[in-house]
Each structure stands twice: as structure tokens, then as C-alpha cells.
Amino acid sequence: MRELFNRIEDEQEVNIEVCLDAKEHQETNPWIFSVFIKYDAHNESEDGLDTFFETKESLIIALEHENIATYVGNRLVGDWSEIYFYALDSKQLDAIADKMLKPTSYIYESNVARDKDWEFFDHNIFPTDLELSFMQSVKIVALLEEEGDNISIPREVEHYASFQTSTQKDRFIQKAEENGFKFKDDISSDEFDHGVALTKEHSVINDELQKVIAPLMDLIKEEHGEYELWSTALQEESE
């Protein structure tokens, strides 16, 4: 499953497409293959974008044919598109990329290296826990807007966290209350026993969510817990 998100690296925005389930192939694919294509996706015409994305998808199909390589993600950095794969071995990879890209007008380069532990993928492509929560929040907000929610209206928002022990949970609740959250309820499920619901009043626009979630996740991580997202009641314009 492919997902999109942005991050800042060296004061520059990087647009990332990641295959979240890519690590299912880690055990059989110890070689990383990168293809850099010079292309300013931010300043191209619609036709130019369509042509570029067709070229990118054709390259992915060619490399994934007969399980030669697995596509794991794409980073747009400046005017370069960095496309990444992991493969069983280093054979054929450059040749396949050359066959696909030489007939085009793009400037490109490719490289293959051993990365058994997928360190590059973990550090440069896969989202952090905080980035994952922001990606999921975007989907929740989109659903709210589809139902007519005015996301700029402050409202009570429930935030959920889970822990391995009740002691960790209790310490977290105390810290969260000191930081403006209110305890609402203990929760449990088939996945965890020591969960908690907290509330705080705020809007659900992206900037506000990030300001609330980022420090909350820091508190959760201090107690080795997991953030389990948030929910809220619909707030229509008339309210």
C-alpha cells in the first residue's frame, strides 16, 4: 500500500511516497537499487507530469517483473526524483533501468549496494511514528469534511494511548494532565489491556493537530506506550 507524506531535511521539503508493507520482502531482498531521474515535478506541465509518472510506473513494472526487485518508495528532492527498490541480487538491475530510460530525454543515474538490514529504507523512506499519525489524521479529517464538519471549530477531541503496564499508564496520565489534557476513561481491547482516553479542546485543522499530537506522543514514548489516534464529534457550520 502506497502512502504520501512530507518531511523537512536540511531546511528543504522532501515529498515521499512509501510502500508501507514493503518490509514483507526484507528477508529475500538484501540489495538496494536506486534510480535518480532529474525532473522538477513541482514546475512541470500536466502533460509533462503524466509522461514522467508513466515512465516511473513502467520502470517499476519492469523491475518487479518475475520478482527481480520490489519497489519500496520514491523521494522528490529538489529537481531529482529518487526511486528505490530492494532486490535478491545485483544482477540485471542497471541493464533494465538503462533499457527503460535511455530512450527518454531524462538525465538519470543508478546505483546498487548491499543493505541487508534495510537501514536506508528505515531512515530515509519509512515514516516515523509521528509522521504515521499525521498521515492517519489526514484521512480522519477528510472523512469529517465529507460529512460537513467545519474543522476550524474548536471541540472536545479524544486522544487514545496504550501501554504495557498499568504503572506506565498511570504515570502517563499524570504527565498528560499537567500538560492540559483531561482523563476520560480507561479502555481495553483485544490488542491491549492498559489503554486510556484523554480529552483536550482544540480544532482539527492540520497545524493544530500537529501542535497537540507531537508533544503528546513525546509523553507517551517516555512511558514506552503507543499513540492510538483520536476521535471527535461532528461540528457543522451552524454550531
C-alpha atoms as a PDB file:
ATOM      1  CA  MET A   1       0.000   0.000   0.000  1.00  0.00           C
ATOM      2  CA  ARG A   2       1.446   3.337  -1.095  1.00  0.00           C
ATOM      3  CA  GLU A   3       1.146   6.453   1.058  1.00  0.00           C
ATOM      4  CA  LEU A   4       2.373  10.030   0.601  1.00  0.00           C
ATOM      5  CA  PHE A   5       3.857  12.374   3.195  1.00  0.00           C
ATOM      6  CA  ASN A   6       6.302  15.269   3.516  1.00  0.00           C
ATOM      7  CA  ARG A   7       9.236  15.917   5.807  1.00  0.00           C
ATOM      8  CA  ILE A   8      11.880  18.607   6.178  1.00  0.00           C
ATOM      9  CA  GLU A   9      15.528  17.654   5.670  1.00  0.00           C
ATOM     10  CA  ASP A  10      18.300  20.266   5.795  1.00  0.00           C
ATOM     11  CA  GLU A  11      15.655  23.025   5.637  1.00  0.00           C
ATOM     12  CA  GLN A  12      14.260  21.557   2.403  1.00  0.00           C
ATOM     13  CA  GLU A  13      10.873  19.898   1.929  1.00  0.00           C
ATOM     14  CA  VAL A  14      11.071  16.292   0.744  1.00  0.00           C
ATOM     15  CA  ASN A  15       7.988  14.633  -0.767  1.00  0.00           C
ATOM     16  CA  ILE A  16       7.966  10.898  -0.079  1.00  0.00           C
ATOM     17  CA  GLU A  17       5.916   8.023  -1.457  1.00  0.00           C
ATOM     18  CA  VAL A  18       6.339   4.870   0.634  1.00  0.00           C
ATOM     19  CA  CYS A  19       5.099   1.310   0.314  1.00  0.00           C
ATOM     20  CA  LEU A  20       4.100   0.652   3.922  1.00  0.00           C
ATOM     21  CA  ASP A  21       4.073  -3.129   3.500  1.00  0.00           C
ATOM     22  CA  ALA A  22       7.441  -3.270   1.715  1.00  0.00           C
ATOM     23  CA  LYS A  23       9.309  -4.901   4.618  1.00  0.00           C
ATOM     24  CA  GLU A  24       7.426  -8.124   3.990  1.00  0.00           C
ATOM     25  CA  HIS A  25      10.175  -8.659   1.388  1.00  0.00           C
ATOM     26  CA  GLN A  26      13.155  -7.789   3.607  1.00  0.00           C
ATOM     27  CA  GLU A  27      14.376 -11.347   4.200  1.00  0.00           C
ATOM     28  CA  THR A  28      14.684 -12.116   0.484  1.00  0.00           C
ATOM     29  CA  ASN A  29      15.940  -8.768  -0.817  1.00  0.00           C
ATOM     30  CA  PRO A  30      19.264  -7.588   0.687  1.00  0.00           C
ATOM     31  CA  TRP A  31      20.305  -5.266  -2.168  1.00  0.00           C
ATOM     32  CA  ILE A  32      19.074  -1.678  -2.539  1.00  0.00           C
ATOM     33  CA  PHE A  33      18.788  -0.319  -6.074  1.00  0.00           C
ATOM     34  CA  SER A  34      18.322   3.421  -6.563  1.00  0.00           C
ATOM     35  CA  VAL A  35      17.425   5.259  -9.753  1.00  0.00           C
ATOM     36  CA  PHE A  36      17.772   9.058  -9.736  1.00  0.00           C
ATOM     37  CA  ILE A  37      15.924  10.898 -12.509  1.00  0.00           C
ATOM     38  CA  LYS A  38      16.450  14.638 -12.978  1.00  0.00           C
ATOM     39  CA  TYR A  39      12.943  16.034 -13.086  1.00  0.00           C
ATOM     40  CA  ASP A  40      11.403  19.081 -11.420  1.00  0.00           C
ATOM     41  CA  ALA A  41       7.947  17.706 -10.635  1.00  0.00           C
ATOM     42  CA  HIS A  42       6.882  20.977  -8.984  1.00  0.00           C
ATOM     43  CA  ASN A  43       7.308  23.106 -12.124  1.00  0.00           C
ATOM     44  CA  GLU A  44       6.197  20.835 -14.943  1.00  0.00           C
ATOM     45  CA  SER A  45       3.067  20.999 -17.083  1.00  0.00           C
ATOM     46  CA  GLU A  46       0.270  18.484 -16.566  1.00  0.00           C
ATOM     47  CA  ASP A  47       1.322  16.631 -19.726  1.00  0.00           C
ATOM     48  CA  GLY A  48       4.913  16.551 -18.500  1.00  0.00           C
ATOM     49  CA  LEU A  49       3.822  15.129 -15.161  1.00  0.00           C
ATOM     50  CA  ASP A  50       1.725  12.452 -16.835  1.00  0.00           C
ATOM     51  CA  THR A  51       4.656  11.417 -19.021  1.00  0.00           C
ATOM     52  CA  PHE A  52       7.026  11.293 -16.063  1.00  0.00           C
ATOM     53  CA  PHE A  53       4.682   9.198 -13.908  1.00  0.00           C
ATOM     54  CA  GLU A  54       4.090   6.822 -16.830  1.00  0.00           C
ATOM     55  CA  THR A  55       7.866   6.399 -17.132  1.00  0.00           C
ATOM     56  CA  LYS A  56       8.209   5.820 -13.395  1.00  0.00           C
ATOM     57  CA  GLU A  57       5.442   3.199 -13.316  1.00  0.00           C
ATOM     58  CA  SER A  58       6.876   1.461 -16.392  1.00  0.00           C
ATOM     59  CA  LEU A  59      10.248   1.239 -14.632  1.00  0.00           C
ATOM     60  CA  ILE A  60       8.577  -0.232 -11.530  1.00  0.00           C
ATOM     61  CA  ILE A  61       6.706  -2.810 -13.613  1.00  0.00           C
ATOM     62  CA  ALA A  62       9.878  -3.771 -15.489  1.00  0.00           C
ATOM     63  CA  LEU A  63      11.904  -4.252 -12.289  1.00  0.00           C
ATOM     64  CA  GLU A  64       9.145  -6.071 -10.426  1.00  0.00           C
ATOM     65  CA  HIS A  65       8.624  -8.461 -13.357  1.00  0.00           C
ATOM     66  CA  GLU A  66       9.390 -12.025 -12.247  1.00  0.00           C
ATOM     67  CA  ASN A  67      10.217 -10.633  -8.773  1.00  0.00           C
ATOM     68  CA  ILE A  68      13.550  -9.168  -9.884  1.00  0.00           C
ATOM     69  CA  ALA A  69      13.090  -6.274  -7.431  1.00  0.00           C
ATOM     70  CA  THR A  70      10.489  -4.770  -5.108  1.00  0.00           C
ATOM     71  CA  TYR A  71       9.558  -1.099  -5.313  1.00  0.00           C
ATOM     72  CA  VAL A  72       9.696   0.494  -1.834  1.00  0.00           C
ATOM     73  CA  GLY A  73       9.393   4.232  -2.340  1.00  0.00           C
ATOM     74  CA  ASN A  74      10.112   7.496  -4.116  1.00  0.00           C
ATOM     75  CA  ARG A  75      11.666  10.694  -2.748  1.00  0.00           C
ATOM     76  CA  LEU A  76      11.255  14.042  -4.561  1.00  0.00           C
ATOM     77  CA  VAL A  77      14.204  16.202  -3.517  1.00  0.00           C
ATOM     78  CA  GLY A  78      14.672  19.450  -5.413  1.00  0.00           C
ATOM     79  CA  ASP A  79      14.629  18.610  -9.104  1.00  0.00           C
ATOM     80  CA  TRP A  80      15.524  14.947  -8.618  1.00  0.00           C
ATOM     81  CA  SER A  81      13.178  12.007  -8.273  1.00  0.00           C
ATOM     82  CA  GLU A  82      14.831   9.226  -6.265  1.00  0.00           C
ATOM     83  CA  ILE A  83      13.191   5.844  -6.923  1.00  0.00           C
ATOM     84  CA  TYR A  84      14.148   2.926  -4.660  1.00  0.00           C
ATOM     85  CA  PHE A  85      13.921  -0.850  -4.933  1.00  0.00           C
ATOM     86  CA  TYR A  86      15.243  -3.824  -2.973  1.00  0.00           C
ATOM     87  CA  ALA A  87      16.360  -6.937  -4.846  1.00  0.00           C
ATOM     88  CA  LEU A  88      17.538 -10.521  -4.348  1.00  0.00           C
ATOM     89  CA  ASP A  89      20.885  -9.752  -6.031  1.00  0.00           C
ATOM     90  CA  SER A  90      22.589  -7.014  -8.045  1.00  0.00           C
ATOM     91  CA  LYS A  91      22.285  -8.677 -11.467  1.00  0.00           C
ATOM     92  CA  GLN A  92      20.296  -7.127 -14.348  1.00  0.00           C
ATOM     93  CA  LEU A  93      19.182  -4.071 -12.375  1.00  0.00           C
ATOM     94  CA  ASP A  94      21.257  -1.425 -14.166  1.00  0.00           C
ATOM     95  CA  ALA A  95      20.598  -3.066 -17.526  1.00  0.00           C
ATOM     96  CA  ILE A  96      16.828  -2.995 -17.037  1.00  0.00           C
ATOM     97  CA  ALA A  97      16.901   0.642 -15.930  1.00  0.00           C
ATOM     98  CA  ASP A  98      19.053   1.595 -18.919  1.00  0.00           C
ATOM     99  CA  LYS A  99      16.691  -0.165 -21.317  1.00  0.00           C
ATOM    100  CA  MET A 100      13.730   1.767 -19.902  1.00  0.00           C
ATOM    101  CA  LEU A 101      15.356   5.196 -19.559  1.00  0.00           C
ATOM    102  CA  LYS A 102      17.887   5.570 -22.384  1.00  0.00           C
ATOM    103  CA  PRO A 103      15.149   6.142 -24.993  1.00  0.00           C
ATOM    104  CA  THR A 104      13.782   9.023 -22.908  1.00  0.00           C
ATOM    105  CA  SER A 105      15.152  12.556 -22.651  1.00  0.00           C
ATOM    106  CA  TYR A 106      15.698  12.322 -18.878  1.00  0.00           C
ATOM    107  CA  ILE A 107      19.100  12.651 -17.244  1.00  0.00           C
ATOM    108  CA  TYR A 108      19.433   9.734 -14.842  1.00  0.00           C
ATOM    109  CA  GLU A 109      21.846   7.654 -12.799  1.00  0.00           C
ATOM    110  CA  SER A 110      21.544   4.371 -10.922  1.00  0.00           C
ATOM    111  CA  ASN A 111      23.366   2.583  -8.140  1.00  0.00           C
ATOM    112  CA  VAL A 112      23.174  -0.747  -6.352  1.00  0.00           C
ATOM    113  CA  ALA A 113      24.519  -1.518  -2.869  1.00  0.00           C
ATOM    114  CA  ARG A 114      24.104  -4.141  -0.185  1.00  0.00           C
ATOM    115  CA  ASP A 115      21.700  -3.140   2.613  1.00  0.00           C
ATOM    116  CA  LYS A 116      20.662  -6.377   4.319  1.00  0.00           C
ATOM    117  CA  ASP A 117      19.064  -4.612   7.289  1.00  0.00           C
ATOM    118  CA  TRP A 118      17.176  -2.092   5.119  1.00  0.00           C
ATOM    119  CA  GLU A 119      18.751   0.771   7.063  1.00  0.00           C
ATOM    120  CA  PHE A 120      18.270   3.260   4.238  1.00  0.00           C
ATOM    121  CA  PHE A 121      14.593   2.396   3.978  1.00  0.00           C
ATOM    122  CA  ASP A 122      14.065   2.782   7.727  1.00  0.00           C
ATOM    123  CA  HIS A 123      15.887   6.108   7.990  1.00  0.00           C
ATOM    124  CA  ASN A 124      15.029   7.829   4.713  1.00  0.00           C
ATOM    125  CA  ILE A 125      11.778   6.409   3.325  1.00  0.00           C
ATOM    126  CA  PHE A 126       9.625   4.852   6.029  1.00  0.00           C
ATOM    127  CA  PRO A 127       7.657   7.376   8.142  1.00  0.00           C
ATOM    128  CA  THR A 128       8.331   7.870  11.839  1.00  0.00           C
ATOM    129  CA  ASP A 129       5.569   7.107  14.341  1.00  0.00           C
ATOM    130  CA  LEU A 130       4.736  10.821  14.395  1.00  0.00           C
ATOM    131  CA  GLU A 131       4.585  11.022  10.600  1.00  0.00           C
ATOM    132  CA  LEU A 132       2.378   7.932  10.517  1.00  0.00           C
ATOM    133  CA  SER A 133      -0.034   9.534  12.975  1.00  0.00           C
ATOM    134  CA  PHE A 134      -0.201  12.693  10.843  1.00  0.00           C
ATOM    135  CA  MET A 135      -0.904  10.596   7.740  1.00  0.00           C
ATOM    136  CA  GLN A 136      -3.751   8.823   9.531  1.00  0.00           C
ATOM    137  CA  SER A 137      -5.064  12.123  10.896  1.00  0.00           C
ATOM    138  CA  VAL A 138      -5.336  13.490   7.359  1.00  0.00           C
ATOM    139  CA  LYS A 139      -7.652  10.598   6.486  1.00  0.00           C
ATOM    140  CA  ILE A 140      -9.822  11.176   9.584  1.00  0.00           C
ATOM    141  CA  VAL A 141     -10.101  14.891   8.782  1.00  0.00           C
ATOM    142  CA  ALA A 142     -11.065  14.118   5.172  1.00  0.00           C
ATOM    143  CA  LEU A 143     -13.898  11.880   6.396  1.00  0.00           C
ATOM    144  CA  LEU A 144     -15.099  14.614   8.768  1.00  0.00           C
ATOM    145  CA  GLU A 145     -15.091  17.183   5.964  1.00  0.00           C
ATOM    146  CA  GLU A 146     -17.070  14.815   3.728  1.00  0.00           C
ATOM    147  CA  GLU A 147     -19.750  14.814   6.443  1.00  0.00           C
ATOM    148  CA  GLY A 148     -19.830  18.615   6.534  1.00  0.00           C
ATOM    149  CA  ASP A 149     -17.600  19.204   9.551  1.00  0.00           C
ATOM    150  CA  ASN A 150     -16.158  22.684   9.988  1.00  0.00           C
ATOM    151  CA  ILE A 151     -12.698  21.542  11.082  1.00  0.00           C
ATOM    152  CA  SER A 152     -11.726  25.024  12.289  1.00  0.00           C
ATOM    153  CA  ILE A 153     -14.263  24.922  15.150  1.00  0.00           C
ATOM    154  CA  PRO A 154     -12.615  24.027  18.483  1.00  0.00           C
ATOM    155  CA  ARG A 155     -14.251  20.999  20.094  1.00  0.00           C
ATOM    156  CA  GLU A 156     -13.539  18.245  22.596  1.00  0.00           C
ATOM    157  CA  VAL A 157     -11.197  15.739  20.960  1.00  0.00           C
ATOM    158  CA  GLU A 158     -10.479  12.331  22.459  1.00  0.00           C
ATOM    159  CA  HIS A 159      -6.907  11.056  22.199  1.00  0.00           C
ATOM    160  CA  TYR A 160      -6.048   7.416  22.887  1.00  0.00           C
ATOM    161  CA  ALA A 161      -2.890   5.728  24.149  1.00  0.00           C
ATOM    162  CA  SER A 162      -1.949   2.196  25.165  1.00  0.00           C
ATOM    163  CA  PHE A 163       0.761   0.840  27.478  1.00  0.00           C
ATOM    164  CA  GLN A 164       2.309  -2.440  28.516  1.00  0.00           C
ATOM    165  CA  THR A 165       1.584  -1.980  32.232  1.00  0.00           C
ATOM    166  CA  SER A 166      -0.873  -0.085  34.403  1.00  0.00           C
ATOM    167  CA  THR A 167       2.042   1.701  36.122  1.00  0.00           C
ATOM    168  CA  GLN A 168       3.219   3.146  32.826  1.00  0.00           C
ATOM    169  CA  LYS A 169      -0.325   4.241  32.047  1.00  0.00           C
ATOM    170  CA  ASP A 170      -0.790   5.942  35.413  1.00  0.00           C
ATOM    171  CA  ARG A 171       2.493   7.844  35.115  1.00  0.00           C
ATOM    172  CA  PHE A 172       1.495   8.995  31.653  1.00  0.00           C
ATOM    173  CA  ILE A 173      -1.934  10.204  32.804  1.00  0.00           C
ATOM    174  CA  GLN A 174      -0.316  12.351  35.478  1.00  0.00           C
ATOM    175  CA  LYS A 175       2.067  13.928  32.957  1.00  0.00           C
ATOM    176  CA  ALA A 176      -0.700  14.459  30.399  1.00  0.00           C
ATOM    177  CA  GLU A 177      -2.932  16.202  32.948  1.00  0.00           C
ATOM    178  CA  GLU A 178      -0.037  18.502  33.810  1.00  0.00           C
ATOM    179  CA  ASN A 179       0.069  19.401  30.113  1.00  0.00           C
ATOM    180  CA  GLY A 180      -3.573  20.367  29.693  1.00  0.00           C
ATOM    181  CA  PHE A 181      -5.247  17.029  28.941  1.00  0.00           C
ATOM    182  CA  LYS A 182      -8.178  15.616  30.917  1.00  0.00           C
ATOM    183  CA  PHE A 183      -8.591  11.955  31.846  1.00  0.00           C
ATOM    184  CA  LYS A 184     -11.811  10.498  30.422  1.00  0.00           C
ATOM    185  CA  ASP A 185     -11.714   6.718  30.725  1.00  0.00           C
ATOM    186  CA  ASP A 186      -9.643   3.552  30.946  1.00  0.00           C
ATOM    187  CA  ILE A 187     -10.002   1.431  27.829  1.00  0.00           C
ATOM    188  CA  SER A 188      -9.030  -2.070  26.766  1.00  0.00           C
ATOM    189  CA  SER A 189      -9.347  -4.200  23.642  1.00  0.00           C
ATOM    190  CA  ASP A 190      -8.181  -7.487  22.162  1.00  0.00           C
ATOM    191  CA  GLU A 191      -4.906  -5.757  21.245  1.00  0.00           C
ATOM    192  CA  PHE A 192      -4.078  -4.119  24.583  1.00  0.00           C
ATOM    193  CA  ASP A 193      -5.201  -4.102  28.240  1.00  0.00           C
ATOM    194  CA  HIS A 194      -3.776  -0.823  29.522  1.00  0.00           C
ATOM    195  CA  GLY A 195      -5.328   1.900  27.411  1.00  0.00           C
ATOM    196  CA  VAL A 196      -6.570   5.350  28.242  1.00  0.00           C
ATOM    197  CA  ALA A 197      -8.766   8.018  26.667  1.00  0.00           C
ATOM    198  CA  LEU A 198      -7.865  11.666  27.266  1.00  0.00           C
ATOM    199  CA  THR A 199      -9.595  14.805  26.051  1.00  0.00           C
ATOM    200  CA  LYS A 200      -8.493  18.264  25.040  1.00  0.00           C
ATOM    201  CA  GLU A 201     -10.344  21.105  23.344  1.00  0.00           C
ATOM    202  CA  HIS A 202      -8.921  22.195  20.000  1.00  0.00           C
ATOM    203  CA  SER A 203      -9.766  22.359  16.307  1.00  0.00           C
ATOM    204  CA  VAL A 204      -8.796  19.585  13.904  1.00  0.00           C
ATOM    205  CA  ILE A 205      -7.044  21.646  11.258  1.00  0.00           C
ATOM    206  CA  ASN A 206      -3.680  20.142  10.350  1.00  0.00           C
ATOM    207  CA  ASP A 207      -1.431  22.687  12.087  1.00  0.00           C
ATOM    208  CA  GLU A 208      -3.408  22.483  15.329  1.00  0.00           C
ATOM    209  CA  LEU A 209      -3.405  18.681  15.308  1.00  0.00           C
ATOM    210  CA  GLN A 210       0.358  18.635  14.864  1.00  0.00           C
ATOM    211  CA  LYS A 211       0.826  21.056  17.765  1.00  0.00           C
ATOM    212  CA  VAL A 212      -1.265  18.783  20.017  1.00  0.00           C
ATOM    213  CA  ILE A 213      -0.134  15.333  18.851  1.00  0.00           C
ATOM    214  CA  ALA A 214       3.644  15.885  18.705  1.00  0.00           C
ATOM    215  CA  PRO A 215       4.153  16.722  22.422  1.00  0.00           C
ATOM    216  CA  LEU A 216       1.532  14.150  23.434  1.00  0.00           C
ATOM    217  CA  MET A 217       3.458  11.430  21.618  1.00  0.00           C
ATOM    218  CA  ASP A 218       6.635  12.505  23.414  1.00  0.00           C
ATOM    219  CA  LEU A 219       4.866  11.901  26.745  1.00  0.00           C
ATOM    220  CA  ILE A 220       3.572   8.533  25.531  1.00  0.00           C
ATOM    221  CA  LYS A 221       7.025   7.418  24.376  1.00  0.00           C
ATOM    222  CA  GLU A 222       8.514   8.365  27.747  1.00  0.00           C
ATOM    223  CA  GLU A 223       6.389   5.546  29.184  1.00  0.00           C
ATOM    224  CA  HIS A 224       7.021   3.178  26.254  1.00  0.00           C
ATOM    225  CA  GLY A 225       3.431   3.421  25.061  1.00  0.00           C
ATOM    226  CA  GLU A 226       1.732   3.746  21.695  1.00  0.00           C
ATOM    227  CA  TYR A 227      -0.465   6.546  20.369  1.00  0.00           C
ATOM    228  CA  GLU A 228      -3.792   5.111  19.166  1.00  0.00           C
ATOM    229  CA  LEU A 229      -5.105   8.171  17.265  1.00  0.00           C
ATOM    230  CA  TRP A 230      -8.089  10.374  18.090  1.00  0.00           C
ATOM    231  CA  SER A 231     -11.799  10.900  17.514  1.00  0.00           C
ATOM    232  CA  THR A 232     -14.301  13.716  17.850  1.00  0.00           C
ATOM    233  CA  ALA A 233     -17.937  14.625  17.331  1.00  0.00           C
ATOM    234  CA  LEU A 234     -19.054  16.269  14.095  1.00  0.00           C
ATOM    235  CA  GLN A 235     -19.095  20.090  14.228  1.00  0.00           C
ATOM    236  CA  GLU A 236     -21.196  21.620  11.470  1.00  0.00           C
ATOM    237  CA  GLU A 237     -21.023  25.266  10.377  1.00  0.00           C
ATOM    238  CA  SER A 238     -24.249  26.213  12.167  1.00  0.00           C
ATOM    239  CA  GLU A 239     -22.789  25.143  15.504  1.00  0.00           C
END
